[in-house]
Amino acid sequence: MITCIANPGRCGSTLLLHILDKYFKMKKTPDYTMEYEVYDYNTGLDRIQNPPSKNYLFKYQYLYTHKPLLGADRYIIIDRKDLHAWSYSHYMTRKNKHVHGEPPSTYTFDHGEFKNEQDIMIKLRSTWEIEKARLISHGAVSLYYEDIKNLSAKEILKLCGFDDADEFDKDNLYFEPELTDLRIKLVPVWSCNQE
């Protein structure tokens, strides 16, 4: 089964990806691999047509391509309700070149520059909203970060259609868990509370 997490970026897709990844590993899913991120349409199309394994999980950053990626067996959408927080996170990630892990103690923020970028990001969302509606009309699960951030891993997995999930600590997930010197703990990054 090919599972694609479609998203507009900066909306909890990395957390959801790692929750699903841990679930598939805990269930000892045969012939399983996970790819962190596909943000190129041609790569995404190739992965769907020639998956690296029978059971393959990846996330697709729609706003990098503005192209629907057809052919996965299961689509899970994750998005943000708070568009100010969403655009702030995009801006701060780009401006400070920091995507995941604890935010740096010093960072750059320019209110005028942020406002201009926010306006652009909000306009770009129109193509995402069309794609999101299309995916939902074809049976995609649709989640919002604000609705799942305080749920347990088991509750989130149940919303995704995995009713047989066991509980585990979703607040203790890492990038590269096997490589201890490269581990980055997943934490919310660039919250508006830091503005």
N, C-alpha and C. Protein backbone atom coordinates (compact mmCIF):
# COMPACT_ATOMS: atom_id res chain seq x y z
N MET A 1 0.84 -1.18 0.00
CA MET A 1 0.00 0.00 0.00
C MET A 1 0.88 1.25 0.00
N ILE A 2 0.61 2.15 -0.90
CA ILE A 2 1.33 3.42 -0.97
C ILE A 2 0.49 4.46 -0.23
N THR A 3 1.09 5.05 0.80
CA THR A 3 0.40 6.05 1.61
C THR A 3 1.10 7.39 1.43
N CYS A 4 0.34 8.40 1.01
CA CYS A 4 0.87 9.74 0.77
C CYS A 4 0.23 10.72 1.75
N ILE A 5 1.07 11.46 2.45
CA ILE A 5 0.59 12.55 3.30
C ILE A 5 0.73 13.83 2.48
N ALA A 6 -0.39 14.33 1.98
CA ALA A 6 -0.40 15.55 1.17
C ALA A 6 -0.58 16.74 2.11
N ASN A 7 0.21 17.81 1.86
CA ASN A 7 0.17 18.95 2.77
C ASN A 7 0.74 20.19 2.12
N PRO A 8 0.46 21.38 2.70
CA PRO A 8 1.02 22.61 2.18
C PRO A 8 2.29 23.06 2.93
N GLY A 9 2.88 22.18 3.71
CA GLY A 9 4.09 22.52 4.47
C GLY A 9 3.76 23.23 5.78
N ARG A 10 4.64 23.07 6.77
CA ARG A 10 4.56 23.75 8.07
C ARG A 10 3.20 23.53 8.75
N CYS A 11 2.75 22.27 8.74
CA CYS A 11 1.42 22.00 9.29
C CYS A 11 1.37 20.72 10.12
N GLY A 12 2.50 20.22 10.56
CA GLY A 12 2.51 19.01 11.36
C GLY A 12 2.70 17.74 10.55
N SER A 13 3.04 17.87 9.28
CA SER A 13 3.17 16.69 8.43
C SER A 13 4.35 15.82 8.85
N THR A 14 5.42 16.42 9.36
CA THR A 14 6.56 15.62 9.82
C THR A 14 6.18 14.80 11.05
N LEU A 15 5.46 15.40 11.96
CA LEU A 15 4.98 14.66 13.13
C LEU A 15 4.08 13.51 12.70
N LEU A 16 3.13 13.79 11.84
CA LEU A 16 2.21 12.74 11.37
C LEU A 16 2.97 11.64 10.65
N LEU A 17 3.93 12.00 9.81
CA LEU A 17 4.74 11.02 9.09
C LEU A 17 5.45 10.08 10.07
N HIS A 18 6.04 10.65 11.12
CA HIS A 18 6.78 9.83 12.07
C HIS A 18 5.86 8.98 12.96
N ILE A 19 4.66 9.47 13.22
CA ILE A 19 3.68 8.66 13.95
C ILE A 19 3.28 7.45 13.10
N LEU A 20 2.97 7.69 11.83
CA LEU A 20 2.62 6.59 10.94
C LEU A 20 3.80 5.64 10.75
N ASP A 21 4.99 6.18 10.60
CA ASP A 21 6.19 5.35 10.44
C ASP A 21 6.37 4.43 11.64
N LYS A 22 6.22 4.97 12.83
CA LYS A 22 6.38 4.14 14.03
C LYS A 22 5.28 3.07 14.09
N TYR A 23 4.06 3.44 13.73
CA TYR A 23 2.96 2.47 13.70
C TYR A 23 3.30 1.32 12.76
N PHE A 24 3.71 1.64 11.51
CA PHE A 24 4.03 0.58 10.54
C PHE A 24 5.18 -0.30 11.04
N LYS A 25 6.16 0.31 11.69
CA LYS A 25 7.29 -0.48 12.22
C LYS A 25 6.84 -1.35 13.39
N MET A 26 6.01 -0.79 14.27
CA MET A 26 5.51 -1.57 15.40
C MET A 26 4.65 -2.76 14.93
N LYS A 27 3.94 -2.57 13.84
CA LYS A 27 3.09 -3.64 13.29
C LYS A 27 3.92 -4.60 12.43
N LYS A 28 5.23 -4.32 12.33
CA LYS A 28 6.12 -5.16 11.53
C LYS A 28 5.57 -5.33 10.11
N THR A 29 5.18 -4.20 9.54
CA THR A 29 4.64 -4.19 8.19
C THR A 29 5.70 -4.74 7.23
N PRO A 30 5.36 -5.78 6.47
CA PRO A 30 6.36 -6.37 5.57
C PRO A 30 6.69 -5.46 4.39
N ASP A 31 7.93 -5.56 3.93
CA ASP A 31 8.40 -4.82 2.76
C ASP A 31 7.99 -3.34 2.86
N TYR A 32 8.41 -2.70 3.94
CA TYR A 32 8.00 -1.33 4.25
C TYR A 32 9.19 -0.37 4.22
N THR A 33 8.98 0.81 3.64
CA THR A 33 9.94 1.91 3.72
C THR A 33 9.19 3.23 3.84
N MET A 34 9.90 4.21 4.40
CA MET A 34 9.36 5.56 4.54
C MET A 34 10.36 6.52 3.90
N GLU A 35 9.84 7.49 3.18
CA GLU A 35 10.68 8.56 2.64
C GLU A 35 10.17 9.86 3.25
N TYR A 36 11.11 10.62 3.79
CA TYR A 36 10.72 11.80 4.54
C TYR A 36 9.87 12.77 3.71
N GLU A 37 10.37 13.17 2.57
CA GLU A 37 9.66 14.24 1.88
C GLU A 37 9.90 14.17 0.38
N VAL A 38 8.82 14.33 -0.36
CA VAL A 38 8.90 14.47 -1.81
C VAL A 38 8.31 15.83 -2.13
N TYR A 39 9.09 16.71 -2.70
CA TYR A 39 8.57 18.03 -3.05
C TYR A 39 8.80 18.35 -4.52
N ASP A 40 9.06 17.30 -5.29
CA ASP A 40 9.23 17.42 -6.73
C ASP A 40 8.21 16.50 -7.39
N TYR A 41 7.41 17.03 -8.30
CA TYR A 41 6.33 16.25 -8.92
C TYR A 41 6.85 15.00 -9.63
N ASN A 42 7.90 15.13 -10.43
CA ASN A 42 8.41 13.99 -11.18
C ASN A 42 8.93 12.89 -10.26
N THR A 43 9.58 13.27 -9.17
CA THR A 43 10.03 12.28 -8.19
C THR A 43 8.83 11.59 -7.56
N GLY A 44 7.82 12.36 -7.19
CA GLY A 44 6.62 11.78 -6.60
C GLY A 44 5.92 10.82 -7.54
N LEU A 45 5.80 11.19 -8.79
CA LEU A 45 5.18 10.33 -9.78
C LEU A 45 5.98 9.04 -9.95
N ASP A 46 7.30 9.15 -9.99
CA ASP A 46 8.15 7.97 -10.09
C ASP A 46 7.98 7.06 -8.88
N ARG A 47 7.89 7.64 -7.67
CA ARG A 47 7.73 6.83 -6.46
C ARG A 47 6.41 6.07 -6.47
N ILE A 48 5.36 6.69 -7.01
CA ILE A 48 4.07 6.01 -7.07
C ILE A 48 4.08 4.92 -8.14
N GLN A 49 4.68 5.21 -9.28
CA GLN A 49 4.71 4.22 -10.36
C GLN A 49 5.72 3.10 -10.09
N ASN A 50 6.80 3.41 -9.38
CA ASN A 50 7.85 2.44 -9.07
C ASN A 50 8.22 2.54 -7.60
N PRO A 51 7.30 2.17 -6.71
CA PRO A 51 7.59 2.35 -5.28
C PRO A 51 8.80 1.52 -4.85
N PRO A 52 9.60 2.06 -3.91
CA PRO A 52 10.78 1.34 -3.44
C PRO A 52 10.45 0.10 -2.62
N SER A 53 9.19 -0.04 -2.21
CA SER A 53 8.75 -1.21 -1.46
C SER A 53 7.25 -1.38 -1.65
N LYS A 54 6.75 -2.54 -1.29
CA LYS A 54 5.32 -2.81 -1.42
C LYS A 54 4.51 -1.88 -0.53
N ASN A 55 4.98 -1.63 0.68
CA ASN A 55 4.33 -0.72 1.61
C ASN A 55 5.24 0.50 1.78
N TYR A 56 4.80 1.60 1.23
CA TYR A 56 5.63 2.79 1.11
C TYR A 56 4.88 4.00 1.65
N LEU A 57 5.53 4.76 2.51
CA LEU A 57 4.96 5.96 3.13
C LEU A 57 5.83 7.16 2.79
N PHE A 58 5.20 8.25 2.37
CA PHE A 58 5.94 9.49 2.11
C PHE A 58 5.01 10.67 2.26
N LYS A 59 5.62 11.87 2.37
CA LYS A 59 4.80 13.07 2.38
C LYS A 59 5.13 13.90 1.15
N TYR A 60 4.10 14.56 0.63
CA TYR A 60 4.19 15.33 -0.61
C TYR A 60 3.85 16.78 -0.31
N GLN A 61 4.83 17.64 -0.51
CA GLN A 61 4.66 19.07 -0.27
C GLN A 61 4.02 19.73 -1.49
N TYR A 62 2.72 19.85 -1.48
CA TYR A 62 1.98 20.31 -2.65
C TYR A 62 2.38 21.71 -3.10
N LEU A 63 2.63 22.63 -2.20
CA LEU A 63 2.90 24.01 -2.61
C LEU A 63 4.25 24.20 -3.29
N TYR A 64 5.08 23.17 -3.31
CA TYR A 64 6.31 23.25 -4.10
C TYR A 64 6.05 22.95 -5.57
N THR A 65 4.95 22.24 -5.87
CA THR A 65 4.71 21.80 -7.23
C THR A 65 3.44 22.37 -7.85
N HIS A 66 2.42 22.54 -7.03
CA HIS A 66 1.08 22.95 -7.50
C HIS A 66 0.53 21.95 -8.51
N LYS A 67 0.91 20.67 -8.34
CA LYS A 67 0.41 19.62 -9.23
C LYS A 67 -0.13 18.47 -8.40
N PRO A 68 -1.34 18.00 -8.73
CA PRO A 68 -1.87 16.83 -8.05
C PRO A 68 -0.99 15.61 -8.31
N LEU A 69 -0.78 14.82 -7.30
CA LEU A 69 0.00 13.59 -7.42
C LEU A 69 -0.97 12.42 -7.32
N LEU A 70 -1.28 11.83 -8.43
CA LEU A 70 -2.30 10.78 -8.51
C LEU A 70 -1.67 9.39 -8.40
N GLY A 71 -2.43 8.46 -7.83
CA GLY A 71 -2.03 7.07 -7.88
C GLY A 71 -1.71 6.39 -6.57
N ALA A 72 -1.58 7.12 -5.47
CA ALA A 72 -1.33 6.46 -4.18
C ALA A 72 -2.59 5.70 -3.76
N ASP A 73 -2.41 4.68 -2.94
CA ASP A 73 -3.55 3.89 -2.46
C ASP A 73 -4.33 4.61 -1.37
N ARG A 74 -3.60 5.40 -0.57
CA ARG A 74 -4.22 6.09 0.54
C ARG A 74 -3.61 7.50 0.63
N TYR A 75 -4.49 8.49 0.77
CA TYR A 75 -4.04 9.87 0.97
C TYR A 75 -4.52 10.33 2.34
N ILE A 76 -3.62 10.94 3.06
CA ILE A 76 -3.96 11.58 4.32
C ILE A 76 -3.54 13.04 4.18
N ILE A 77 -4.47 13.93 4.39
CA ILE A 77 -4.21 15.37 4.28
C ILE A 77 -3.99 15.91 5.69
N ILE A 78 -2.99 16.76 5.82
CA ILE A 78 -2.85 17.52 7.06
C ILE A 78 -2.64 18.98 6.68
N ASP A 79 -3.33 19.85 7.41
CA ASP A 79 -3.33 21.27 7.08
C ASP A 79 -3.37 22.08 8.37
N ARG A 80 -3.41 23.38 8.24
CA ARG A 80 -3.52 24.29 9.38
C ARG A 80 -4.80 25.10 9.27
N LYS A 81 -5.45 25.33 10.39
CA LYS A 81 -6.59 26.24 10.45
C LYS A 81 -6.09 27.68 10.63
N ASP A 82 -5.08 27.84 11.48
CA ASP A 82 -4.53 29.15 11.81
C ASP A 82 -3.55 29.56 10.71
N LEU A 83 -4.03 30.32 9.74
CA LEU A 83 -3.21 30.68 8.59
C LEU A 83 -2.12 31.69 8.95
N HIS A 84 -2.34 32.47 10.00
CA HIS A 84 -1.29 33.38 10.46
C HIS A 84 -0.11 32.55 10.99
N ALA A 85 -0.39 31.58 11.84
CA ALA A 85 0.67 30.72 12.38
C ALA A 85 1.36 29.94 11.26
N TRP A 86 0.57 29.47 10.31
CA TRP A 86 1.11 28.72 9.18
C TRP A 86 2.09 29.57 8.36
N SER A 87 1.68 30.78 8.01
CA SER A 87 2.55 31.64 7.20
C SER A 87 3.75 32.13 8.01
N TYR A 88 3.55 32.34 9.30
CA TYR A 88 4.67 32.72 10.18
C TYR A 88 5.72 31.62 10.21
N SER A 89 5.28 30.38 10.33
CA SER A 89 6.22 29.27 10.37
C SER A 89 6.98 29.14 9.04
N HIS A 90 6.28 29.33 7.93
CA HIS A 90 6.96 29.32 6.62
C HIS A 90 8.03 30.41 6.57
N TYR A 91 7.63 31.61 6.96
CA TYR A 91 8.56 32.75 6.90
C TYR A 91 9.79 32.52 7.79
N MET A 92 9.55 32.12 9.04
CA MET A 92 10.66 31.94 9.97
C MET A 92 11.59 30.79 9.56
N THR A 93 11.01 29.75 9.00
CA THR A 93 11.83 28.64 8.52
C THR A 93 12.75 29.10 7.41
N ARG A 94 12.20 29.82 6.44
CA ARG A 94 13.00 30.32 5.32
C ARG A 94 14.02 31.36 5.80
N LYS A 95 13.57 32.30 6.56
CA LYS A 95 14.42 33.42 6.98
C LYS A 95 15.59 32.94 7.84
N ASN A 96 15.34 31.98 8.71
CA ASN A 96 16.37 31.55 9.66
C ASN A 96 16.99 30.19 9.31
N LYS A 97 16.57 29.64 8.16
CA LYS A 97 17.13 28.38 7.67
C LYS A 97 17.13 27.30 8.76
N HIS A 98 15.99 27.18 9.43
CA HIS A 98 15.86 26.21 10.51
C HIS A 98 14.49 25.54 10.39
N VAL A 99 14.49 24.24 10.04
CA VAL A 99 13.25 23.54 9.74
C VAL A 99 12.70 22.77 10.93
N HIS A 100 13.56 21.99 11.62
CA HIS A 100 13.09 21.13 12.70
C HIS A 100 14.05 21.17 13.88
N GLY A 101 13.56 20.73 15.02
CA GLY A 101 14.35 20.75 16.24
C GLY A 101 14.13 22.05 16.99
N GLU A 102 14.75 22.15 18.14
CA GLU A 102 14.59 23.37 18.95
C GLU A 102 15.02 24.60 18.14
N PRO A 103 14.19 25.66 18.12
CA PRO A 103 14.57 26.88 17.41
C PRO A 103 15.85 27.48 18.01
N PRO A 104 16.62 28.17 17.18
CA PRO A 104 17.83 28.80 17.71
C PRO A 104 17.48 29.90 18.72
N SER A 105 18.42 30.21 19.60
CA SER A 105 18.15 31.22 20.61
C SER A 105 18.12 32.63 20.01
N THR A 106 18.82 32.82 18.90
CA THR A 106 18.75 34.12 18.21
C THR A 106 18.24 33.86 16.79
N TYR A 107 17.38 34.74 16.33
CA TYR A 107 16.81 34.59 15.01
C TYR A 107 16.43 35.96 14.48
N THR A 108 16.15 36.03 13.19
CA THR A 108 15.83 37.28 12.52
C THR A 108 14.34 37.31 12.18
N PHE A 109 13.72 38.46 12.41
CA PHE A 109 12.33 38.66 12.04
C PHE A 109 12.16 40.11 11.60
N ASP A 110 11.52 40.31 10.46
CA ASP A 110 11.23 41.64 9.95
C ASP A 110 9.73 41.69 9.66
N HIS A 111 9.00 42.52 10.41
CA HIS A 111 7.54 42.51 10.32
C HIS A 111 7.06 42.84 8.90
N GLY A 112 7.65 43.83 8.25
CA GLY A 112 7.23 44.20 6.89
C GLY A 112 7.48 43.08 5.90
N GLU A 113 8.64 42.47 6.00
CA GLU A 113 8.98 41.35 5.12
C GLU A 113 8.02 40.18 5.37
N PHE A 114 7.73 39.92 6.64
CA PHE A 114 6.79 38.85 6.98
C PHE A 114 5.42 39.13 6.38
N LYS A 115 4.93 40.34 6.51
CA LYS A 115 3.60 40.69 5.99
C LYS A 115 3.54 40.46 4.48
N ASN A 116 4.59 40.86 3.76
CA ASN A 116 4.62 40.63 2.31
C ASN A 116 4.61 39.14 1.99
N GLU A 117 5.42 38.36 2.70
CA GLU A 117 5.47 36.92 2.46
C GLU A 117 4.16 36.26 2.85
N GLN A 118 3.55 36.72 3.93
CA GLN A 118 2.26 36.17 4.36
C GLN A 118 1.21 36.37 3.27
N ASP A 119 1.17 37.56 2.67
CA ASP A 119 0.21 37.82 1.60
C ASP A 119 0.40 36.86 0.43
N ILE A 120 1.65 36.60 0.08
CA ILE A 120 1.96 35.68 -1.02
C ILE A 120 1.53 34.26 -0.66
N MET A 121 1.85 33.82 0.56
CA MET A 121 1.51 32.47 0.99
C MET A 121 0.00 32.25 1.00
N ILE A 122 -0.75 33.24 1.45
CA ILE A 122 -2.21 33.12 1.49
C ILE A 122 -2.76 33.00 0.06
N LYS A 123 -2.20 33.76 -0.89
CA LYS A 123 -2.64 33.66 -2.28
C LYS A 123 -2.31 32.28 -2.86
N LEU A 124 -1.14 31.73 -2.51
CA LEU A 124 -0.74 30.42 -3.02
C LEU A 124 -1.67 29.31 -2.53
N ARG A 125 -2.28 29.51 -1.37
CA ARG A 125 -3.15 28.48 -0.80
C ARG A 125 -4.35 28.15 -1.68
N SER A 126 -4.75 29.04 -2.56
CA SER A 126 -5.94 28.78 -3.37
C SER A 126 -5.77 27.49 -4.19
N THR A 127 -4.58 27.24 -4.72
CA THR A 127 -4.37 26.01 -5.49
C THR A 127 -4.40 24.80 -4.55
N TRP A 128 -3.86 24.96 -3.33
CA TRP A 128 -3.90 23.87 -2.36
C TRP A 128 -5.33 23.55 -1.96
N GLU A 129 -6.16 24.56 -1.74
CA GLU A 129 -7.55 24.33 -1.34
C GLU A 129 -8.30 23.53 -2.40
N ILE A 130 -8.04 23.79 -3.67
CA ILE A 130 -8.67 23.02 -4.75
C ILE A 130 -8.20 21.57 -4.71
N GLU A 131 -6.90 21.37 -4.56
CA GLU A 131 -6.36 20.01 -4.50
C GLU A 131 -6.86 19.27 -3.25
N LYS A 132 -6.90 19.96 -2.13
CA LYS A 132 -7.39 19.34 -0.89
C LYS A 132 -8.84 18.88 -1.07
N ALA A 133 -9.68 19.72 -1.66
CA ALA A 133 -11.09 19.36 -1.89
C ALA A 133 -11.19 18.16 -2.82
N ARG A 134 -10.34 18.12 -3.84
CA ARG A 134 -10.35 16.98 -4.77
C ARG A 134 -9.99 15.70 -4.04
N LEU A 135 -8.93 15.73 -3.24
CA LEU A 135 -8.50 14.55 -2.50
C LEU A 135 -9.59 14.08 -1.53
N ILE A 136 -10.21 15.00 -0.83
CA ILE A 136 -11.28 14.65 0.11
C ILE A 136 -12.45 14.01 -0.64
N SER A 137 -12.78 14.55 -1.81
CA SER A 137 -13.89 13.99 -2.59
C SER A 137 -13.59 12.56 -3.05
N HIS A 138 -12.33 12.19 -3.08
CA HIS A 138 -11.92 10.83 -3.46
C HIS A 138 -11.61 9.96 -2.24
N GLY A 139 -12.01 10.41 -1.04
CA GLY A 139 -11.90 9.59 0.15
C GLY A 139 -10.69 9.81 1.03
N ALA A 140 -9.93 10.85 0.79
CA ALA A 140 -8.76 11.13 1.63
C ALA A 140 -9.19 11.49 3.05
N VAL A 141 -8.42 11.05 4.02
CA VAL A 141 -8.61 11.46 5.41
C VAL A 141 -8.09 12.89 5.51
N SER A 142 -8.83 13.75 6.18
CA SER A 142 -8.42 15.15 6.32
C SER A 142 -8.28 15.52 7.79
N LEU A 143 -7.09 16.01 8.15
CA LEU A 143 -6.79 16.39 9.52
C LEU A 143 -6.28 17.83 9.56
N TYR A 144 -6.45 18.45 10.71
CA TYR A 144 -5.84 19.76 10.97
C TYR A 144 -4.91 19.63 12.15
N TYR A 145 -3.75 20.25 12.04
CA TYR A 145 -2.77 20.20 13.12
C TYR A 145 -3.38 20.63 14.45
N GLU A 146 -4.16 21.71 14.41
CA GLU A 146 -4.74 22.24 15.65
C GLU A 146 -5.65 21.21 16.33
N ASP A 147 -6.26 20.32 15.55
CA ASP A 147 -7.17 19.31 16.11
C ASP A 147 -6.44 18.09 16.65
N ILE A 148 -5.23 17.82 16.14
CA ILE A 148 -4.55 16.59 16.56
C ILE A 148 -3.36 16.82 17.48
N LYS A 149 -2.88 18.05 17.60
CA LYS A 149 -1.63 18.28 18.32
C LYS A 149 -1.66 17.81 19.78
N ASN A 150 -2.83 17.81 20.40
CA ASN A 150 -2.93 17.38 21.80
C ASN A 150 -3.50 15.98 21.95
N LEU A 151 -3.72 15.29 20.84
CA LEU A 151 -4.22 13.92 20.90
C LEU A 151 -3.06 12.94 21.10
N SER A 152 -3.38 11.76 21.56
CA SER A 152 -2.37 10.71 21.69
C SER A 152 -2.09 10.11 20.31
N ALA A 153 -0.99 9.40 20.20
CA ALA A 153 -0.65 8.72 18.94
C ALA A 153 -1.78 7.78 18.54
N LYS A 154 -2.32 7.05 19.48
CA LYS A 154 -3.39 6.10 19.20
C LYS A 154 -4.63 6.81 18.65
N GLU A 155 -4.97 7.95 19.23
CA GLU A 155 -6.13 8.72 18.76
C GLU A 155 -5.90 9.26 17.35
N ILE A 156 -4.69 9.73 17.09
CA ILE A 156 -4.36 10.25 15.75
C ILE A 156 -4.43 9.12 14.72
N LEU A 157 -3.86 7.99 15.06
CA LEU A 157 -3.87 6.85 14.14
C LEU A 157 -5.29 6.36 13.88
N LYS A 158 -6.14 6.42 14.89
CA LYS A 158 -7.54 6.02 14.70
C LYS A 158 -8.22 6.96 13.71
N LEU A 159 -7.95 8.27 13.81
CA LEU A 159 -8.51 9.23 12.84
C LEU A 159 -8.04 8.94 11.42
N CYS A 160 -6.84 8.35 11.31
CA CYS A 160 -6.27 8.00 10.00
C CYS A 160 -6.79 6.66 9.49
N GLY A 161 -7.61 5.97 10.30
CA GLY A 161 -8.17 4.71 9.87
C GLY A 161 -7.44 3.48 10.37
N PHE A 162 -6.52 3.65 11.30
CA PHE A 162 -5.76 2.53 11.86
C PHE A 162 -6.29 2.24 13.27
N ASP A 163 -7.38 1.49 13.32
CA ASP A 163 -8.06 1.21 14.59
C ASP A 163 -7.31 0.23 15.49
N ASP A 164 -6.33 -0.47 14.94
CA ASP A 164 -5.60 -1.48 15.72
C ASP A 164 -4.29 -0.94 16.32
N ALA A 165 -4.14 0.38 16.34
CA ALA A 165 -2.89 0.98 16.82
C ALA A 165 -2.71 0.79 18.32
N ASP A 166 -1.47 0.53 18.71
CA ASP A 166 -1.10 0.53 20.12
C ASP A 166 -0.64 1.93 20.50
N GLU A 167 -0.73 2.25 21.77
CA GLU A 167 -0.29 3.57 22.25
C GLU A 167 1.22 3.64 22.30
N PHE A 168 1.77 4.79 21.97
CA PHE A 168 3.18 5.09 22.16
C PHE A 168 3.33 6.59 22.34
N ASP A 169 4.49 7.00 22.82
CA ASP A 169 4.73 8.40 23.14
C ASP A 169 5.07 9.19 21.88
N LYS A 170 4.11 9.97 21.38
CA LYS A 170 4.34 10.77 20.17
C LYS A 170 5.23 11.98 20.46
N ASP A 171 5.45 12.27 21.72
CA ASP A 171 6.32 13.39 22.08
C ASP A 171 7.77 12.95 22.23
N ASN A 172 8.06 11.74 21.83
CA ASN A 172 9.42 11.22 21.92
C ASN A 172 9.81 10.57 20.59
N LEU A 173 9.62 11.33 19.50
CA LEU A 173 9.96 10.86 18.17
C LEU A 173 11.15 11.67 17.65
N TYR A 174 11.96 11.03 16.83
CA TYR A 174 13.20 11.65 16.34
C TYR A 174 13.39 11.42 14.86
N PHE A 175 14.06 12.38 14.21
CA PHE A 175 14.65 12.13 12.91
C PHE A 175 15.83 11.20 13.14
N GLU A 176 16.10 10.33 12.20
CA GLU A 176 17.26 9.45 12.24
C GLU A 176 17.42 8.76 13.60
N PRO A 177 16.41 8.02 14.06
CA PRO A 177 16.49 7.44 15.41
C PRO A 177 17.63 6.45 15.60
N GLU A 178 18.07 5.80 14.53
CA GLU A 178 19.14 4.82 14.67
C GLU A 178 20.51 5.49 14.75
N LEU A 179 20.63 6.69 14.27
CA LEU A 179 21.92 7.40 14.24
C LEU A 179 21.95 8.38 15.41
N THR A 180 22.42 7.95 16.54
CA THR A 180 22.29 8.73 17.77
C THR A 180 22.96 10.10 17.69
N ASP A 181 24.05 10.25 16.95
CA ASP A 181 24.70 11.56 16.89
C ASP A 181 23.97 12.53 15.95
N LEU A 182 23.04 12.03 15.13
CA LEU A 182 22.29 12.88 14.22
C LEU A 182 20.83 13.05 14.64
N ARG A 183 20.48 12.55 15.79
CA ARG A 183 19.08 12.59 16.22
C ARG A 183 18.61 14.03 16.44
N ILE A 184 17.43 14.32 15.91
CA ILE A 184 16.79 15.60 16.15
C ILE A 184 15.40 15.28 16.69
N LYS A 185 15.14 15.72 17.90
CA LYS A 185 13.82 15.47 18.50
C LYS A 185 12.77 16.32 17.79
N LEU A 186 11.65 15.71 17.48
CA LEU A 186 10.56 16.45 16.84
C LEU A 186 9.86 17.32 17.89
N VAL A 187 9.87 18.60 17.65
CA VAL A 187 9.19 19.57 18.52
C VAL A 187 8.50 20.60 17.62
N PRO A 188 7.44 21.24 18.11
CA PRO A 188 6.84 22.32 17.32
C PRO A 188 7.86 23.43 17.10
N VAL A 189 7.97 23.88 15.87
CA VAL A 189 8.97 24.90 15.52
C VAL A 189 8.27 26.13 14.98
N TRP A 190 8.76 27.28 15.35
CA TRP A 190 8.28 28.57 14.86
C TRP A 190 6.80 28.77 15.14
N SER A 191 6.44 28.62 16.37
CA SER A 191 5.09 28.92 16.82
C SER A 191 4.95 30.44 16.90
N CYS A 192 3.74 30.93 16.71
CA CYS A 192 3.51 32.36 16.83
C CYS A 192 3.78 32.87 18.24
N ASN A 193 3.85 31.97 19.21
CA ASN A 193 4.17 32.39 20.56
C ASN A 193 5.58 32.95 20.67
N GLN A 194 6.42 32.65 19.66
CA GLN A 194 7.79 33.14 19.68
C GLN A 194 7.92 34.50 18.99
N GLU A 195 6.85 34.96 18.34
CA GLU A 195 6.91 36.19 17.58
C GLU A 195 7.18 37.38 18.49
